PDB file of N, CA and C in Angstrom:
ATOM      1  N   UNK A   1     104.724  79.959 116.488  1.00  0.00           N
ATOM      2  CA  UNK A   1     105.662  81.049 116.375  1.00  0.00           C
ATOM      3  C   UNK A   1     106.204  81.361 117.759  1.00  0.00           C
ATOM      4  N   UNK A   2     107.500  81.458 117.846  1.00  0.00           N
ATOM      5  CA  UNK A   2     108.147  81.765 119.110  1.00  0.00           C
ATOM      6  C   UNK A   2     108.344  83.274 119.219  1.00  0.00           C
ATOM      7  N   UNK A   3     107.940  83.852 120.354  1.00  0.00           N
ATOM      8  CA  UNK A   3     108.068  85.285 120.578  1.00  0.00           C
ATOM      9  C   UNK A   3     108.947  85.512 121.790  1.00  0.00           C
ATOM     10  N   UNK A   4     110.016  86.275 121.602  1.00  0.00           N
ATOM     11  CA  UNK A   4     110.932  86.618 122.688  1.00  0.00           C
ATOM     12  C   UNK A   4     110.689  88.072 123.074  1.00  0.00           C
ATOM     13  N   UNK A   5     110.457  88.340 124.351  1.00  0.00           N
ATOM     14  CA  UNK A   5     110.167  89.689 124.836  1.00  0.00           C
ATOM     15  C   UNK A   5     111.281  90.144 125.763  1.00  0.00           C
ATOM     16  N   UNK A   6     111.870  91.299 125.452  1.00  0.00           N
ATOM     17  CA  UNK A   6     112.929  91.870 126.273  1.00  0.00           C
ATOM     18  C   UNK A   6     112.573  93.308 126.604  1.00  0.00           C
ATOM     19  N   UNK A   7     112.947  93.747 127.811  1.00  0.00           N
ATOM     20  CA  UNK A   7     112.656  95.116 128.225  1.00  0.00           C
ATOM     21  C   UNK A   7     113.920  95.797 128.714  1.00  0.00           C
ATOM     22  N   UNK A   8     113.881  97.134 128.669  1.00  0.00           N
ATOM     23  CA  UNK A   8     115.003  97.929 129.189  1.00  0.00           C
ATOM     24  C   UNK A   8     114.419  99.182 129.831  1.00  0.00           C
ATOM     25  N   UNK A   9     114.831  99.442 131.045  1.00  0.00           N
ATOM     26  CA  UNK A   9     114.384 100.638 131.749  1.00  0.00           C
ATOM     27  C   UNK A   9     112.997 100.530 132.332  1.00  0.00           C
ATOM     28  N   UNK A  10     112.443  99.336 132.355  1.00  0.00           N
ATOM     29  CA  UNK A  10     111.100  99.132 132.895  1.00  0.00           C
ATOM     30  C   UNK A  10     110.920  97.663 133.241  1.00  0.00           C
ATOM     31  N   UNK A  11     109.945  97.396 134.079  1.00  0.00           N
ATOM     32  CA  UNK A  11     109.591  96.010 134.376  1.00  0.00           C
ATOM     33  C   UNK A  11     108.218  95.751 133.781  1.00  0.00           C
ATOM     34  N   UNK A  12     108.118  94.783 132.879  1.00  0.00           N
ATOM     35  CA  UNK A  12     106.838  94.546 132.215  1.00  0.00           C
ATOM     36  C   UNK A  12     105.848  93.821 133.131  1.00  0.00           C
ATOM     37  N   UNK A  13     104.609  94.219 133.057  1.00  0.00           N
ATOM     38  CA  UNK A  13     103.563  93.510 133.787  1.00  0.00           C
ATOM     39  C   UNK A  13     103.119  92.330 132.921  1.00  0.00           C
ATOM     40  N   UNK A  14     102.451  91.395 133.520  1.00  0.00           N
ATOM     41  CA  UNK A  14     101.962  90.255 132.743  1.00  0.00           C
ATOM     42  C   UNK A  14     100.902  90.707 131.734  1.00  0.00           C
ATOM     43  N   UNK A  15     100.148  91.756 132.096  1.00  0.00           N
ATOM     44  CA  UNK A  15      99.140  92.285 131.167  1.00  0.00           C
ATOM     45  C   UNK A  15      99.817  92.890 129.935  1.00  0.00           C
ATOM     46  N   UNK A  16     100.917  93.610 130.129  1.00  0.00           N
ATOM     47  CA  UNK A  16     101.642  94.213 129.010  1.00  0.00           C
ATOM     48  C   UNK A  16     102.254  93.143 128.117  1.00  0.00           C
ATOM     49  N   UNK A  17     102.814  92.108 128.722  1.00  0.00           N
ATOM     50  CA  UNK A  17     103.415  91.017 127.946  1.00  0.00           C
ATOM     51  C   UNK A  17     102.357  90.271 127.140  1.00  0.00           C
ATOM     52  N   UNK A  18     101.223  89.976 127.754  1.00  0.00           N
ATOM     53  CA  UNK A  18     100.176  89.257 127.020  1.00  0.00           C
ATOM     54  C   UNK A  18      99.560  90.144 125.932  1.00  0.00           C
ATOM     55  N   UNK A  19      99.420  91.451 126.191  1.00  0.00           N
ATOM     56  CA  UNK A  19      98.904  92.370 125.180  1.00  0.00           C
ATOM     57  C   UNK A  19      99.847  92.426 123.979  1.00  0.00           C
ATOM     58  N   UNK A  20     101.135  92.487 124.248  1.00  0.00           N
ATOM     59  CA  UNK A  20     102.129  92.540 123.174  1.00  0.00           C
ATOM     60  C   UNK A  20     102.058  91.290 122.315  1.00  0.00           C
ATOM     61  N   UNK A  21     102.039  90.126 122.940  1.00  0.00           N
ATOM     62  CA  UNK A  21     101.991  88.872 122.183  1.00  0.00           C
ATOM     63  C   UNK A  21     100.677  88.730 121.415  1.00  0.00           C
ATOM     64  N   UNK A  22      99.586  89.164 122.013  1.00  0.00           N
ATOM     65  CA  UNK A  22      98.275  89.096 121.354  1.00  0.00           C
ATOM     66  C   UNK A  22      98.248  89.995 120.114  1.00  0.00           C
ATOM     67  N   UNK A  23      98.745  91.219 120.253  1.00  0.00           N
ATOM     68  CA  UNK A  23      98.778  92.149 119.118  1.00  0.00           C
ATOM     69  C   UNK A  23      99.665  91.637 117.994  1.00  0.00           C
ATOM     70  N   UNK A  24     100.796  91.069 118.365  1.00  0.00           N
ATOM     71  CA  UNK A  24     101.729  90.563 117.359  1.00  0.00           C
ATOM     72  C   UNK A  24     101.154  89.350 116.632  1.00  0.00           C
ATOM     73  N   UNK A  25     100.556  88.435 117.362  1.00  0.00           N
ATOM     74  CA  UNK A  25      99.945  87.261 116.729  1.00  0.00           C
ATOM     75  C   UNK A  25      98.799  87.657 115.812  1.00  0.00           C
ATOM     76  N   UNK A  26      97.993  88.625 116.239  1.00  0.00           N
ATOM     77  CA  UNK A  26      96.886  89.089 115.412  1.00  0.00           C
ATOM     78  C   UNK A  26      97.413  89.773 114.144  1.00  0.00           C
ATOM     79  N   UNK A  27      98.488  90.543 114.272  1.00  0.00           N
ATOM     80  CA  UNK A  27      99.046  91.254 113.127  1.00  0.00           C
ATOM     81  C   UNK A  27      99.668  90.303 112.112  1.00  0.00           C
ATOM     82  N   UNK A  28     100.211  89.184 112.577  1.00  0.00           N
ATOM     83  CA  UNK A  28     100.906  88.257 111.688  1.00  0.00           C
ATOM     84  C   UNK A  28     100.068  87.044 111.300  1.00  0.00           C
ATOM     85  N   UNK A  29      98.791  87.043 111.641  1.00  0.00           N
ATOM     86  CA  UNK A  29      97.938  85.883 111.384  1.00  0.00           C
ATOM     87  C   UNK A  29      97.847  85.542 109.899  1.00  0.00           C
ATOM     88  N   UNK A  30      97.806  86.547 109.046  1.00  0.00           N
ATOM     89  CA  UNK A  30      97.649  86.266 107.609  1.00  0.00           C
ATOM     90  C   UNK A  30      98.912  85.701 106.975  1.00  0.00           C
ATOM     91  N   UNK A  31     100.070  85.925 107.584  1.00  0.00           N
ATOM     92  CA  UNK A  31     101.341  85.435 107.045  1.00  0.00           C
ATOM     93  C   UNK A  31     102.015  84.452 108.010  1.00  0.00           C
ATOM     94  N   UNK A  32     101.224  83.799 108.833  1.00  0.00           N
ATOM     95  CA  UNK A  32     101.759  82.939 109.893  1.00  0.00           C
ATOM     96  C   UNK A  32     102.670  81.832 109.363  1.00  0.00           C
ATOM     97  N   UNK A  33     102.386  81.307 108.188  1.00  0.00           N
ATOM     98  CA  UNK A  33     103.203  80.233 107.639  1.00  0.00           C
ATOM     99  C   UNK A  33     104.575  80.730 107.189  1.00  0.00           C
ATOM    100  N   UNK A  34     104.741  82.024 107.007  1.00  0.00           N
ATOM    101  CA  UNK A  34     106.023  82.595 106.586  1.00  0.00           C
ATOM    102  C   UNK A  34     106.892  83.030 107.767  1.00  0.00           C
ATOM    103  N   UNK A  35     106.321  83.123 108.962  1.00  0.00           N
ATOM    104  CA  UNK A  35     107.024  83.659 110.127  1.00  0.00           C
ATOM    105  C   UNK A  35     107.645  82.531 110.945  1.00  0.00           C
ATOM    106  N   UNK A  36     108.960  82.651 111.177  1.00  0.00           N
ATOM    107  CA  UNK A  36     109.650  81.681 112.021  1.00  0.00           C
ATOM    108  C   UNK A  36     109.589  82.074 113.492  1.00  0.00           C
ATOM    109  N   UNK A  37     109.760  83.342 113.763  1.00  0.00           N
ATOM    110  CA  UNK A  37     109.758  83.807 115.141  1.00  0.00           C
ATOM    111  C   UNK A  37     109.823  85.319 115.188  1.00  0.00           C
ATOM    112  N   UNK A  38     109.722  85.862 116.409  1.00  0.00           N
ATOM    113  CA  UNK A  38     109.738  87.307 116.573  1.00  0.00           C
ATOM    114  C   UNK A  38     110.473  87.674 117.852  1.00  0.00           C
ATOM    115  N   UNK A  39     111.150  88.809 117.802  1.00  0.00           N
ATOM    116  CA  UNK A  39     111.777  89.380 118.990  1.00  0.00           C
ATOM    117  C   UNK A  39     111.152  90.738 119.218  1.00  0.00           C
ATOM    118  N   UNK A  40     110.847  91.030 120.469  1.00  0.00           N
ATOM    119  CA  UNK A  40     110.206  92.287 120.833  1.00  0.00           C
ATOM    120  C   UNK A  40     111.050  92.964 121.899  1.00  0.00           C
ATOM    121  N   UNK A  41     111.328  94.250 121.690  1.00  0.00           N
ATOM    122  CA  UNK A  41     112.027  95.053 122.684  1.00  0.00           C
ATOM    123  C   UNK A  41     111.105  96.182 123.103  1.00  0.00           C
ATOM    124  N   UNK A  42     110.889  96.311 124.397  1.00  0.00           N
ATOM    125  CA  UNK A  42     110.108  97.403 124.961  1.00  0.00           C
ATOM    126  C   UNK A  42     111.031  98.194 125.878  1.00  0.00           C
ATOM    127  N   UNK A  43     111.025  99.517 125.735  1.00  0.00           N
ATOM    128  CA  UNK A  43     111.905 100.313 126.591  1.00  0.00           C
ATOM    129  C   UNK A  43     111.265 101.648 126.937  1.00  0.00           C
ATOM    130  N   UNK A  44     111.659 102.152 128.095  1.00  0.00           N
ATOM    131  CA  UNK A  44     111.269 103.473 128.562  1.00  0.00           C
ATOM    132  C   UNK A  44     112.530 104.322 128.492  1.00  0.00           C
ATOM    133  N   UNK A  45     112.646 105.118 127.442  1.00  0.00           N
ATOM    134  CA  UNK A  45     113.887 105.821 127.145  1.00  0.00           C
ATOM    135  C   UNK A  45     114.240 106.842 128.223  1.00  0.00           C
ATOM    136  N   UNK A  46     113.287 107.688 128.634  1.00  0.00           N
ATOM    137  CA  UNK A  46     113.565 108.741 129.605  1.00  0.00           C
ATOM    138  C   UNK A  46     113.353 108.329 131.052  1.00  0.00           C
ATOM    139  N   UNK A  47     112.892 107.142 131.290  1.00  0.00           N
ATOM    140  CA  UNK A  47     112.647 106.699 132.655  1.00  0.00           C
ATOM    141  C   UNK A  47     111.493 107.447 133.287  1.00  0.00           C
ATOM    142  N   UNK A  48     111.638 107.836 134.544  1.00  0.00           N
ATOM    143  CA  UNK A  48     110.523 108.478 135.261  1.00  0.00           C
ATOM    144  C   UNK A  48     110.234 109.918 134.826  1.00  0.00           C
ATOM    145  N   UNK A  49     111.055 110.511 133.972  1.00  0.00           N
ATOM    146  CA  UNK A  49     110.835 111.901 133.553  1.00  0.00           C
ATOM    147  C   UNK A  49     109.611 112.050 132.664  1.00  0.00           C
ATOM    148  N   UNK A  50     109.182 110.974 132.009  1.00  0.00           N
ATOM    149  CA  UNK A  50     107.995 111.033 131.165  1.00  0.00           C
ATOM    150  C   UNK A  50     108.286 111.567 129.775  1.00  0.00           C
ATOM    151  N   UNK A  51     107.218 111.881 129.064  1.00  0.00           N
ATOM    152  CA  UNK A  51     107.358 112.395 127.698  1.00  0.00           C
ATOM    153  C   UNK A  51     107.119 111.300 126.675  1.00  0.00           C
ATOM    154  N   UNK A  52     107.403 111.627 125.412  1.00  0.00           N
ATOM    155  CA  UNK A  52     107.239 110.668 124.315  1.00  0.00           C
ATOM    156  C   UNK A  52     108.470 109.773 124.320  1.00  0.00           C
ATOM    157  N   UNK A  53     108.436 108.758 125.156  1.00  0.00           N
ATOM    158  CA  UNK A  53     109.649 107.961 125.348  1.00  0.00           C
ATOM    159  C   UNK A  53     109.401 106.467 125.469  1.00  0.00           C
ATOM    160  N   UNK A  54     108.200 106.016 125.238  1.00  0.00           N
ATOM    161  CA  UNK A  54     107.920 104.574 125.285  1.00  0.00           C
ATOM    162  C   UNK A  54     108.214 104.016 123.899  1.00  0.00           C
ATOM    163  N   UNK A  55     109.157 103.120 123.822  1.00  0.00           N
ATOM    164  CA  UNK A  55     109.643 102.637 122.533  1.00  0.00           C
ATOM    165  C   UNK A  55     109.359 101.140 122.403  1.00  0.00           C
ATOM    166  N   UNK A  56     108.817 100.742 121.253  1.00  0.00           N
ATOM    167  CA  UNK A  56     108.541  99.339 120.941  1.00  0.00           C
ATOM    168  C   UNK A  56     109.234  99.006 119.624  1.00  0.00           C
ATOM    169  N   UNK A  57     109.936  97.901 119.609  1.00  0.00           N
ATOM    170  CA  UNK A  57     110.626  97.463 118.388  1.00  0.00           C
ATOM    171  C   UNK A  57     110.325  95.988 118.161  1.00  0.00           C
ATOM    172  N   UNK A  58     109.854  95.661 116.958  1.00  0.00           N
ATOM    173  CA  UNK A  58     109.596  94.280 116.553  1.00  0.00           C
ATOM    174  C   UNK A  58     110.609  93.871 115.503  1.00  0.00           C
ATOM    175  N   UNK A  59     111.167  92.677 115.660  1.00  0.00           N
ATOM    176  CA  UNK A  59     111.999  92.078 114.622  1.00  0.00           C
ATOM    177  C   UNK A  59     111.372  90.730 114.288  1.00  0.00           C
ATOM    178  N   UNK A  60     110.922  90.592 113.044  1.00  0.00           N
ATOM    179  CA  UNK A  60     110.226  89.389 112.606  1.00  0.00           C
ATOM    180  C   UNK A  60     111.165  88.593 111.708  1.00  0.00           C
ATOM    181  N   UNK A  61     111.406  87.339 112.066  1.00  0.00           N
ATOM    182  CA  UNK A  61     112.253  86.448 111.284  1.00  0.00           C
ATOM    183  C   UNK A  61     111.368  85.652 110.329  1.00  0.00           C
ATOM    184  N   UNK A  62     111.618  85.823 109.036  1.00  0.00           N
ATOM    185  CA  UNK A  62     110.798  85.182 108.020  1.00  0.00           C
ATOM    186  C   UNK A  62     111.488  83.958 107.435  1.00  0.00           C
ATOM    187  N   UNK A  63     110.703  83.046 106.947  1.00  0.00           N
ATOM    188  CA  UNK A  63     111.185  81.798 106.372  1.00  0.00           C
ATOM    189  C   UNK A  63     111.906  82.062 105.052  1.00  0.00           C
ATOM    190  N   UNK A  64     113.236  81.931 105.044  1.00  0.00           N
ATOM    191  CA  UNK A  64     114.021  82.083 103.828  1.00  0.00           C
ATOM    192  C   UNK A  64     114.143  83.503 103.321  1.00  0.00           C
ATOM    193  N   UNK A  65     113.830  84.488 104.136  1.00  0.00           N
ATOM    194  CA  UNK A  65     113.891  85.882 103.718  1.00  0.00           C
ATOM    195  C   UNK A  65     114.604  86.700 104.787  1.00  0.00           C
ATOM    196  N   UNK A  66     114.873  87.953 104.460  1.00  0.00           N
ATOM    197  CA  UNK A  66     115.473  88.851 105.436  1.00  0.00           C
ATOM    198  C   UNK A  66     114.461  89.173 106.530  1.00  0.00           C
ATOM    199  N   UNK A  67     114.971  89.557 107.685  1.00  0.00           N
ATOM    200  CA  UNK A  67     114.101  89.949 108.787  1.00  0.00           C
ATOM    201  C   UNK A  67     113.454  91.298 108.506  1.00  0.00           C
ATOM    202  N   UNK A  68     112.298  91.505 109.114  1.00  0.00           N
ATOM    203  CA  UNK A  68     111.593  92.780 109.035  1.00  0.00           C
ATOM    204  C   UNK A  68     111.666  93.416 110.412  1.00  0.00           C
ATOM    205  N   UNK A  69     112.085  94.684 110.464  1.00  0.00           N
ATOM    206  CA  UNK A  69     112.207  95.401 111.728  1.00  0.00           C
ATOM    207  C   UNK A  69     111.338  96.647 111.674  1.00  0.00           C
ATOM    208  N   UNK A  70     110.516  96.841 112.715  1.00  0.00           N
ATOM    209  CA  UNK A  70     109.637  98.005 112.818  1.00  0.00           C
ATOM    210  C   UNK A  70     109.771  98.577 114.219  1.00  0.00           C
ATOM    211  N   UNK A  71     109.914  99.904 114.308  1.00  0.00           N
ATOM    212  CA  UNK A  71     109.997 100.591 115.599  1.00  0.00           C
ATOM    213  C   UNK A  71     108.927 101.660 115.692  1.00  0.00           C
ATOM    214  N   UNK A  72     108.471 101.897 116.905  1.00  0.00           N
ATOM    215  CA  UNK A  72     107.468 102.929 117.140  1.00  0.00           C
ATOM    216  C   UNK A  72     107.677 103.517 118.526  1.00  0.00           C
ATOM    217  N   UNK A  73     107.499 104.830 118.643  1.00  0.00           N
ATOM    218  CA  UNK A  73     107.662 105.534 119.918  1.00  0.00           C
ATOM    219  C   UNK A  73     106.389 106.331 120.200  1.00  0.00           C
ATOM    220  N   UNK A  74     105.972 106.335 121.470  1.00  0.00           N
ATOM    221  CA  UNK A  74     104.751 107.040 121.853  1.00  0.00           C
ATOM    222  C   UNK A  74     104.818 107.411 123.330  1.00  0.00           C
ATOM    223  N   UNK A  75     103.845 108.204 123.778  1.00  0.00           N
ATOM    224  CA  UNK A  75     103.747 108.530 125.206  1.00  0.00           C
ATOM    225  C   UNK A  75     103.226 107.348 126.004  1.00  0.00           C
ATOM    226  N   UNK A  76     102.470 106.468 125.347  1.00  0.00           N
ATOM    227  CA  UNK A  76     101.841 105.333 125.999  1.00  0.00           C
ATOM    228  C   UNK A  76     102.399 104.045 125.383  1.00  0.00           C
ATOM    229  N   UNK A  77     102.823 103.107 126.198  1.00  0.00           N
ATOM    230  CA  UNK A  77     103.414 101.866 125.692  1.00  0.00           C
ATOM    231  C   UNK A  77     102.398 101.045 124.910  1.00  0.00           C
ATOM    232  N   UNK A  78     101.160 101.009 125.365  1.00  0.00           N
ATOM    233  CA  UNK A  78     100.134 100.246 124.652  1.00  0.00           C
ATOM    234  C   UNK A  78      99.888 100.821 123.252  1.00  0.00           C
ATOM    235  N   UNK A  79      99.910 102.145 123.137  1.00  0.00           N
ATOM    236  CA  UNK A  79      99.729 102.781 121.827  1.00  0.00           C
ATOM    237  C   UNK A  79     100.919 102.479 120.917  1.00  0.00           C
ATOM    238  N   UNK A  80     102.128 102.501 121.466  1.00  0.00           N
ATOM    239  CA  UNK A  80     103.323 102.191 120.672  1.00  0.00           C
ATOM    240  C   UNK A  80     103.268 100.754 120.161  1.00  0.00           C
ATOM    241  N   UNK A  81     102.827  99.842 120.998  1.00  0.00           N
ATOM    242  CA  UNK A  81     102.720  98.430 120.597  1.00  0.00           C
ATOM    243  C   UNK A  81     101.672  98.262 119.499  1.00  0.00           C
ATOM    244  N   UNK A  82     100.518  98.891 119.666  1.00  0.00           N
ATOM    245  CA  UNK A  82      99.439  98.763 118.683  1.00  0.00           C
ATOM    246  C   UNK A  82      99.866  99.325 117.322  1.00  0.00           C
ATOM    247  N   UNK A  83     100.508 100.493 117.313  1.00  0.00           N
ATOM    248  CA  UNK A  83     100.946 101.076 116.038  1.00  0.00           C
ATOM    249  C   UNK A  83     102.043 100.247 115.391  1.00  0.00           C
ATOM    250  N   UNK A  84     102.983  99.755 116.205  1.00  0.00           N
ATOM    251  CA  UNK A  84     104.058  98.923 115.652  1.00  0.00           C
ATOM    252  C   UNK A  84     103.494  97.623 115.086  1.00  0.00           C
ATOM    253  N   UNK A  85     102.480  97.065 115.731  1.00  0.00           N
ATOM    254  CA  UNK A  85     101.865  95.825 115.235  1.00  0.00           C
ATOM    255  C   UNK A  85     101.184  96.057 113.892  1.00  0.00           C
ATOM    256  N   UNK A  86     100.485  97.171 113.741  1.00  0.00           N
ATOM    257  CA  UNK A  86      99.858  97.484 112.444  1.00  0.00           C
ATOM    258  C   UNK A  86     100.918  97.657 111.365  1.00  0.00           C
ATOM    259  N   UNK A  87     101.990  98.343 111.696  1.00  0.00           N
ATOM    260  CA  UNK A  87     103.044  98.577 110.715  1.00  0.00           C
ATOM    261  C   UNK A  87     103.782  97.291 110.354  1.00  0.00           C
ATOM    262  N   UNK A  88     103.988  96.404 111.332  1.00  0.00           N
ATOM    263  CA  UNK A  88     104.704  95.156 111.044  1.00  0.00           C
ATOM    264  C   UNK A  88     103.850  94.248 110.172  1.00  0.00           C
ATOM    265  N   UNK A  89     102.539  94.282 110.336  1.00  0.00           N
ATOM    266  CA  UNK A  89     101.660  93.498 109.486  1.00  0.00           C
ATOM    267  C   UNK A  89     101.810  93.917 108.027  1.00  0.00           C
ATOM    268  N   UNK A  90     101.803  95.214 107.787  1.00  0.00           N
ATOM    269  CA  UNK A  90     101.965  95.741 106.433  1.00  0.00           C
ATOM    270  C   UNK A  90     103.343  95.417 105.872  1.00  0.00           C
ATOM    271  N   UNK A  91     104.376  95.580 106.698  1.00  0.00           N
ATOM    272  CA  UNK A  91     105.748  95.356 106.238  1.00  0.00           C
ATOM    273  C   UNK A  91     106.000  93.886 105.889  1.00  0.00           C
ATOM    274  N   UNK A  92     105.487  92.964 106.688  1.00  0.00           N
ATOM    275  CA  UNK A  92     105.682  91.542 106.417  1.00  0.00           C
ATOM    276  C   UNK A  92     104.925  91.136 105.155  1.00  0.00           C
ATOM    277  N   UNK A  93     103.700  91.604 105.017  1.00  0.00           N
ATOM    278  CA  UNK A  93     102.923  91.297 103.807  1.00  0.00           C
ATOM    279  C   UNK A  93     103.628  91.821 102.566  1.00  0.00           C
ATOM    280  N   UNK A  94     104.157  93.027 102.653  1.00  0.00           N
ATOM    281  CA  UNK A  94     104.881  93.617 101.520  1.00  0.00           C
ATOM    282  C   UNK A  94     106.126  92.807 101.180  1.00  0.00           C
ATOM    283  N   UNK A  95     106.881  92.374 102.193  1.00  0.00           N
ATOM    284  CA  UNK A  95     108.106  91.609 101.951  1.00  0.00           C
ATOM    285  C   UNK A  95     107.790  90.260 101.306  1.00  0.00           C
ATOM    286  N   UNK A  96     106.763  89.583 101.780  1.00  0.00           N
ATOM    287  CA  UNK A  96     106.390  88.284 101.222  1.00  0.00           C
ATOM    288  C   UNK A  96     105.927  88.434  99.777  1.00  0.00           C
ATOM    289  N   UNK A  97     105.098  89.434  99.502  1.00  0.00           N
ATOM    290  CA  UNK A  97     104.620  89.656  98.130  1.00  0.00           C
ATOM    291  C   UNK A  97     105.768  90.026  97.203  1.00  0.00           C
ATOM    292  N   UNK A  98     106.703  90.836  97.689  1.00  0.00           N
ATOM    293  CA  UNK A  98     107.841  91.226  96.869  1.00  0.00           C
ATOM    294  C   UNK A  98     108.682  90.011  96.515  1.00  0.00           C
ATOM    295  N   UNK A  99     108.923  89.146  97.459  1.00  0.00           N
ATOM    296  CA  UNK A  99     109.723  87.957  97.188  1.00  0.00           C
ATOM    297  C   UNK A  99     109.003  86.999  96.249  1.00  0.00           C
ATOM    298  N   UNK A 100     107.680  86.907  96.355  1.00  0.00           N
ATOM    299  CA  UNK A 100     106.918  86.049  95.444  1.00  0.00           C
ATOM    300  C   UNK A 100     106.910  86.618  94.035  1.00  0.00           C
ATOM    301  N   UNK A 101     106.881  87.930  93.915  1.00  0.00           N
ATOM    302  CA  UNK A 101     106.838  88.579  92.609  1.00  0.00           C
ATOM    303  C   UNK A 101     108.129  88.369  91.834  1.00  0.00           C
ATOM    304  N   UNK A 102     109.266  88.293  92.532  1.00  0.00           N
ATOM    305  CA  UNK A 102     110.545  88.164  91.856  1.00  0.00           C
ATOM    306  C   UNK A 102     110.992  86.725  91.649  1.00  0.00           C
ATOM    307  N   UNK A 103     110.182  85.766  92.083  1.00  0.00           N
ATOM    308  CA  UNK A 103     110.501  84.376  91.785  1.00  0.00           C
ATOM    309  C   UNK A 103     110.170  84.123  90.330  1.00  0.00           C
ATOM    310  N   UNK A 104     111.097  83.593  89.595  1.00  0.00           N
ATOM    311  CA  UNK A 104     110.902  83.353  88.172  1.00  0.00           C
ATOM    312  C   UNK A 104     110.615  81.871  87.947  1.00  0.00           C
ATOM    313  N   UNK A 105     109.488  81.561  87.328  1.00  0.00           N
ATOM    314  CA  UNK A 105     109.202  80.155  87.032  1.00  0.00           C
ATOM    315  C   UNK A 105     110.079  79.668  85.884  1.00  0.00           C
ATOM    316  N   UNK A 106     110.359  78.424  85.890  1.00  0.00           N
ATOM    317  CA  UNK A 106     111.159  77.859  84.808  1.00  0.00           C
ATOM    318  C   UNK A 106     111.960  76.683  85.299  1.00  0.00           C
ATOM    319  N   UNK A 107     112.562  75.998  84.360  1.00  0.00           N
ATOM    320  CA  UNK A 107     113.335  74.814  84.718  1.00  0.00           C
ATOM    321  C   UNK A 107     114.801  75.170  84.857  1.00  0.00           C
ATOM    322  N   UNK A 108     115.436  74.467  85.733  1.00  0.00           N
ATOM    323  CA  UNK A 108     116.890  74.573  85.822  1.00  0.00           C
ATOM    324  C   UNK A 108     117.475  73.669  84.757  1.00  0.00           C
ATOM    325  N   UNK A 109     118.699  73.910  84.357  1.00  0.00           N
ATOM    326  CA  UNK A 109     119.293  73.136  83.274  1.00  0.00           C
ATOM    327  C   UNK A 109     119.426  71.647  83.603  1.00  0.00           C
ATOM    328  N   UNK A 110     119.737  71.326  84.867  1.00  0.00           N
ATOM    329  CA  UNK A 110     119.885  69.914  85.193  1.00  0.00           C
ATOM    330  C   UNK A 110     118.528  69.205  85.254  1.00  0.00           C
ATOM    331  N   UNK A 111     117.444  69.953  85.367  1.00  0.00           N
ATOM    332  CA  UNK A 111     116.115  69.351  85.364  1.00  0.00           C
ATOM    333  C   UNK A 111     115.537  69.241  83.948  1.00  0.00           C
ATOM    334  N   UNK A 112     116.061  70.027  83.040  1.00  0.00           N
ATOM    335  CA  UNK A 112     115.524  70.056  81.681  1.00  0.00           C
ATOM    336  C   UNK A 112     115.978  68.827  80.910  1.00  0.00           C
ATOM    337  N   UNK A 113     115.195  68.457  79.925  1.00  0.00           N
ATOM    338  CA  UNK A 113     115.538  67.317  79.073  1.00  0.00           C
ATOM    339  C   UNK A 113     116.358  67.828  77.885  1.00  0.00           C
ATOM    340  N   UNK A 114     117.651  67.939  78.086  1.00  0.00           N
ATOM    341  CA  UNK A 114     118.533  68.417  77.031  1.00  0.00           C
ATOM    342  C   UNK A 114     119.295  67.222  76.472  1.00  0.00           C
ATOM    343  N   UNK A 115     119.284  67.109  75.177  1.00  0.00           N
ATOM    344  CA  UNK A 115     120.010  66.033  74.511  1.00  0.00           C
ATOM    345  C   UNK A 115     121.467  66.475  74.349  1.00  0.00           C
ATOM    346  N   UNK A 116     122.338  65.931  75.163  1.00  0.00           N
ATOM    347  CA  UNK A 116     123.752  66.334  75.115  1.00  0.00           C
ATOM    348  C   UNK A 116     124.451  65.785  73.883  1.00  0.00           C
ATOM    349  N   UNK A 117     123.890  64.760  73.244  1.00  0.00           N
ATOM    350  CA  UNK A 117     124.519  64.198  72.044  1.00  0.00           C
ATOM    351  C   UNK A 117     124.517  65.193  70.888  1.00  0.00           C
ATOM    352  N   UNK A 118     123.539  66.077  70.820  1.00  0.00           N
ATOM    353  CA  UNK A 118     123.502  67.020  69.707  1.00  0.00           C
ATOM    354  C   UNK A 118     124.692  67.981  69.774  1.00  0.00           C
ATOM    355  N   UNK A 119     125.178  68.284  70.986  1.00  0.00           N
ATOM    356  CA  UNK A 119     126.338  69.151  71.097  1.00  0.00           C
ATOM    357  C   UNK A 119     127.603  68.410  70.666  1.00  0.00           C
ATOM    358  N   UNK A 120     127.696  67.143  71.044  1.00  0.00           N
ATOM    359  CA  UNK A 120     128.860  66.349  70.679  1.00  0.00           C
ATOM    360  C   UNK A 120     128.930  66.122  69.164  1.00  0.00           C
ATOM    361  N   UNK A 121     127.779  65.873  68.535  1.00  0.00           N
ATOM    362  CA  UNK A 121     127.743  65.670  67.095  1.00  0.00           C
ATOM    363  C   UNK A 121     128.124  66.929  66.322  1.00  0.00           C
ATOM    364  N   UNK A 122     127.720  68.076  66.826  1.00  0.00           N
ATOM    365  CA  UNK A 122     128.000  69.329  66.133  1.00  0.00           C
ATOM    366  C   UNK A 122     129.482  69.660  66.176  1.00  0.00           C
ATOM    367  N   UNK A 123     130.180  69.286  67.225  1.00  0.00           N
ATOM    368  CA  UNK A 123     131.581  69.645  67.351  1.00  0.00           C
ATOM    369  C   UNK A 123     132.534  68.509  66.952  1.00  0.00           C
ATOM    370  N   UNK A 124     132.009  67.349  66.664  1.00  0.00           N
ATOM    371  CA  UNK A 124     132.883  66.231  66.273  1.00  0.00           C
ATOM    372  C   UNK A 124     133.261  66.307  64.789  1.00  0.00           C
ATOM    373  N   UNK A 125     132.600  67.067  63.991  1.00  0.00           N
ATOM    374  CA  UNK A 125     132.865  67.121  62.555  1.00  0.00           C
ATOM    375  C   UNK A 125     134.111  67.863  62.205  1.00  0.00           C
TER     376      UNK A 125
END
């Protein structure tokens, strides 16, 4: 799985980048075969003023499905990442199960063994 990390208003440390990737990989481990890649945005909204302004956003690209996007804001960037990772795990699992539930088993018409002669015989009379 390819993970792209982007930041705004802050410079990420290598510890923060590795923590983010570790949390994301752990959160998506159960659905790893469905995940194509992930984009992560980390930002400090208020800058040096502080407050509840550390923002983490995950966008998960799924195989043949719509992307899942989860955002979380906290006073601490590590806490925002951890909460967003828990939420993205739930959201991806829900999306995969929903798509599996709506798949309808059955044959397509071109795969079915339909005798086309019976239609011709019925209308030739």
